[in-house]
Amino acid sequence: SGAGARRGLPRPCRRCQREGMSDPTPARWVALLAAVTAVSTLHYVTPAASPALHAFYQRLYYVPVILGAYWFGARGGVLVAALCSLAYAPHIHVAWSQNAAYTASQYAELVVFLSLGLAVGLIATRERRLTNRYREAAESLEHANRELRESGEQLRRAERLSALGEIAAGLAHEIR
């Protein structure tokens, strides 16, 4: 965060710093919303007679869910998954209502969206926390190493001065 502040980049909010998440920038939210809108539009304009395309589009919903979870943690993942579910549920009801088994499987997929958003978000948050912990440990070790080197230098200087003092005392003794 110190290097980012020196480069003029905005600092993440406190919760984001604590949980190791990216700052919830509007550009990222807009990108996620655009992705969900694009996938939903593809669903709604593609005829129901093209089930392969719909299956592909349905899998495209995973991209914004995973990105939302990665960028913003579990809350972001679940929020984007809920948005995808809200966008896709009316299409399921309208396009597939004549096939009850398929409709049930599509609604089950919405639960998978939410589960994936939660799981990836938790994993991403944990990974960021571990990374931050290791970074702090590395910085602490670097500081301790620097102090140790400085102490070693001071010890060597003290030893040289002590030796010089002994030589001076021996020389003074010989002069007397």
Protein backbone atom coordinates (compact mmCIF):
# COMPACT_ATOMS: atom_id res chain seq x y z
CA SER A 1 0.00 0.00 0.00
CA GLY A 2 2.95 2.35 0.62
CA ALA A 3 4.24 1.83 -2.93
CA GLY A 4 0.76 2.42 -4.34
CA ALA A 5 0.41 5.67 -2.41
CA ARG A 6 3.78 6.83 -3.75
CA ARG A 7 2.64 6.23 -7.32
CA GLY A 8 -0.48 8.32 -6.82
CA LEU A 9 -2.88 5.36 -6.83
CA PRO A 10 -5.92 5.55 -4.55
CA ARG A 11 -5.68 3.66 -1.28
CA PRO A 12 -8.20 0.84 -0.72
CA CYS A 13 -10.93 1.32 1.88
CA ARG A 14 -10.29 -0.01 5.40
CA ARG A 15 -12.47 -3.11 4.98
CA CYS A 16 -10.74 -3.87 1.69
CA GLN A 17 -7.32 -3.47 3.33
CA ARG A 18 -8.35 -5.68 6.25
CA GLU A 19 -9.75 -8.42 4.02
CA GLY A 20 -7.13 -7.99 1.31
CA MET A 21 -9.68 -7.15 -1.38
CA SER A 22 -9.55 -4.78 -4.28
CA ASP A 23 -11.22 -1.45 -3.74
CA PRO A 24 -14.79 -1.67 -5.11
CA THR A 25 -14.14 0.72 -7.96
CA PRO A 26 -17.13 1.76 -10.05
CA ALA A 27 -15.37 0.67 -13.25
CA ARG A 28 -15.24 -2.93 -12.06
CA TRP A 29 -18.89 -2.90 -11.04
CA VAL A 30 -19.82 -1.40 -14.40
CA ALA A 31 -17.82 -4.12 -16.17
CA LEU A 32 -19.60 -6.83 -14.18
CA LEU A 33 -23.00 -5.28 -14.85
CA ALA A 34 -22.15 -5.00 -18.56
CA ALA A 35 -21.11 -8.67 -18.68
CA VAL A 36 -24.33 -9.82 -17.00
CA THR A 37 -26.37 -7.60 -19.30
CA ALA A 38 -24.58 -8.91 -22.39
CA VAL A 39 -25.09 -12.56 -21.45
CA SER A 40 -28.73 -11.93 -20.55
CA THR A 41 -29.30 -10.14 -23.84
CA LEU A 42 -27.84 -13.10 -25.71
CA HIS A 43 -30.26 -15.40 -23.87
CA TYR A 44 -33.29 -13.27 -24.60
CA VAL A 45 -32.58 -12.70 -28.32
CA THR A 46 -31.59 -16.28 -29.11
CA PRO A 47 -34.54 -18.52 -30.02
CA ALA A 48 -35.34 -21.38 -27.64
CA ALA A 49 -34.78 -23.73 -30.57
CA SER A 50 -31.01 -23.28 -30.06
CA PRO A 51 -30.39 -25.14 -26.79
CA ALA A 52 -26.64 -25.48 -27.42
CA LEU A 53 -26.26 -21.70 -27.60
CA HIS A 54 -28.33 -21.27 -24.45
CA ALA A 55 -26.16 -23.82 -22.63
CA PHE A 56 -23.08 -21.89 -23.71
CA TYR A 57 -24.59 -18.57 -22.66
CA GLN A 58 -25.57 -20.05 -19.33
CA ARG A 59 -21.93 -20.98 -18.72
CA LEU A 60 -20.92 -17.43 -19.62
CA TYR A 61 -22.68 -16.26 -16.45
CA TYR A 62 -19.86 -17.91 -14.51
CA VAL A 63 -17.35 -15.31 -15.78
CA PRO A 64 -18.85 -12.28 -14.00
CA VAL A 65 -19.64 -14.39 -10.91
CA ILE A 66 -16.01 -15.53 -10.62
CA LEU A 67 -14.65 -12.05 -11.35
CA GLY A 68 -16.99 -10.49 -8.80
CA ALA A 69 -15.91 -13.02 -6.19
CA TYR A 70 -12.23 -12.58 -7.01
CA TRP A 71 -12.34 -8.80 -7.02
CA PHE A 72 -14.70 -8.22 -4.10
CA GLY A 73 -14.71 -11.38 -1.98
CA ALA A 74 -17.69 -13.48 -0.94
CA ARG A 75 -20.09 -10.53 -0.80
CA GLY A 76 -19.21 -9.49 -4.34
CA GLY A 77 -19.45 -13.05 -5.64
CA VAL A 78 -22.85 -13.66 -4.07
CA LEU A 79 -24.10 -10.24 -5.18
CA VAL A 80 -23.10 -10.83 -8.81
CA ALA A 81 -24.48 -14.39 -8.66
CA ALA A 82 -27.79 -13.01 -7.37
CA LEU A 83 -27.80 -10.47 -10.20
CA CYS A 84 -27.17 -13.25 -12.73
CA SER A 85 -29.94 -15.31 -11.17
CA LEU A 86 -32.39 -12.41 -11.30
CA ALA A 87 -31.49 -11.77 -14.93
CA TYR A 88 -31.71 -15.43 -15.96
CA ALA A 89 -34.75 -16.62 -13.95
CA PRO A 90 -37.39 -14.89 -16.12
CA HIS A 91 -35.82 -16.43 -19.22
CA ILE A 92 -35.99 -19.88 -17.63
CA HIS A 93 -39.65 -19.35 -16.77
CA VAL A 94 -40.60 -18.07 -20.22
CA ALA A 95 -38.43 -20.20 -22.50
CA TRP A 96 -38.33 -23.57 -20.73
CA SER A 97 -41.60 -23.79 -18.77
CA GLN A 98 -42.93 -26.57 -21.02
CA ASN A 99 -40.16 -28.94 -19.85
CA ALA A 100 -40.43 -29.25 -16.06
CA ALA A 101 -37.33 -31.38 -15.58
CA TYR A 102 -35.15 -29.03 -17.61
CA THR A 103 -36.64 -26.00 -15.86
CA ALA A 104 -35.80 -27.55 -12.47
CA SER A 105 -32.23 -28.17 -13.59
CA GLN A 106 -31.94 -24.55 -14.74
CA TYR A 107 -33.17 -23.26 -11.39
CA ALA A 108 -30.67 -25.59 -9.70
CA GLU A 109 -27.98 -23.92 -11.80
CA LEU A 110 -28.93 -20.63 -10.15
CA VAL A 111 -28.07 -22.21 -6.79
CA VAL A 112 -24.73 -23.24 -8.31
CA PHE A 113 -24.12 -19.59 -9.30
CA LEU A 114 -24.62 -18.52 -5.70
CA SER A 115 -22.52 -21.38 -4.31
CA LEU A 116 -19.71 -20.63 -6.73
CA GLY A 117 -19.77 -16.92 -5.92
CA LEU A 118 -19.56 -17.69 -2.21
CA ALA A 119 -16.84 -20.35 -2.54
CA VAL A 120 -14.59 -18.37 -4.88
CA GLY A 121 -15.08 -15.25 -2.78
CA LEU A 122 -14.07 -17.04 0.40
CA ILE A 123 -11.06 -18.61 -1.28
CA ALA A 124 -9.95 -15.30 -2.81
CA THR A 125 -10.32 -13.48 0.51
CA ARG A 126 -8.37 -16.17 2.34
CA GLU A 127 -5.64 -16.09 -0.30
CA ARG A 128 -5.33 -12.31 -0.01
CA ARG A 129 -5.14 -12.51 3.78
CA LEU A 130 -2.41 -15.13 3.56
CA THR A 131 -0.53 -13.06 1.01
CA ASN A 132 -0.76 -10.00 3.25
CA ARG A 133 0.38 -12.03 6.26
CA TYR A 134 3.39 -13.37 4.34
CA ARG A 135 4.20 -9.90 3.02
CA GLU A 136 4.12 -8.50 6.56
CA ALA A 137 6.29 -11.37 7.80
CA ALA A 138 8.79 -10.73 5.00
CA GLU A 139 8.88 -7.02 5.84
CA SER A 140 9.38 -7.85 9.52
CA LEU A 141 12.21 -10.25 8.69
CA GLU A 142 13.78 -7.68 6.40
CA HIS A 143 13.65 -5.09 9.20
CA ALA A 144 15.12 -7.55 11.71
CA ASN A 145 17.85 -8.49 9.24
CA ARG A 146 18.70 -4.82 8.70
CA GLU A 147 18.90 -4.26 12.46
CA LEU A 148 21.07 -7.35 12.84
CA ARG A 149 23.47 -6.10 10.15
CA GLU A 150 23.64 -2.69 11.82
CA SER A 151 24.29 -4.34 15.21
CA GLY A 152 27.03 -6.45 13.64
CA GLU A 153 28.64 -3.33 12.20
CA GLN A 154 28.49 -1.61 15.59
CA LEU A 155 29.98 -4.70 17.26
CA ARG A 156 32.86 -4.80 14.76
CA ARG A 157 33.49 -1.07 15.32
CA ALA A 158 33.50 -1.63 19.08
CA GLU A 159 35.93 -4.54 18.71
CA ARG A 160 38.26 -2.40 16.56
CA LEU A 161 38.10 0.44 19.08
CA SER A 162 38.76 -2.01 21.91
CA ALA A 163 41.76 -3.43 20.07
CA LEU A 164 42.98 0.08 19.34
CA GLY A 165 42.56 0.96 23.03
CA GLU A 166 44.56 -2.10 24.06
CA ILE A 167 47.32 -1.18 21.60
CA ALA A 168 47.31 2.40 22.89
CA ALA A 169 47.48 1.19 26.51
CA GLY A 170 50.31 -1.20 25.65
CA LEU A 171 52.15 1.56 23.84
CA ALA A 172 51.66 3.96 26.76
CA HIS A 173 52.95 1.30 29.13
CA GLU A 174 56.03 0.80 27.00
CA ILE A 175 56.67 4.55 26.80
CA ARG A 176 56.56 4.85 30.63
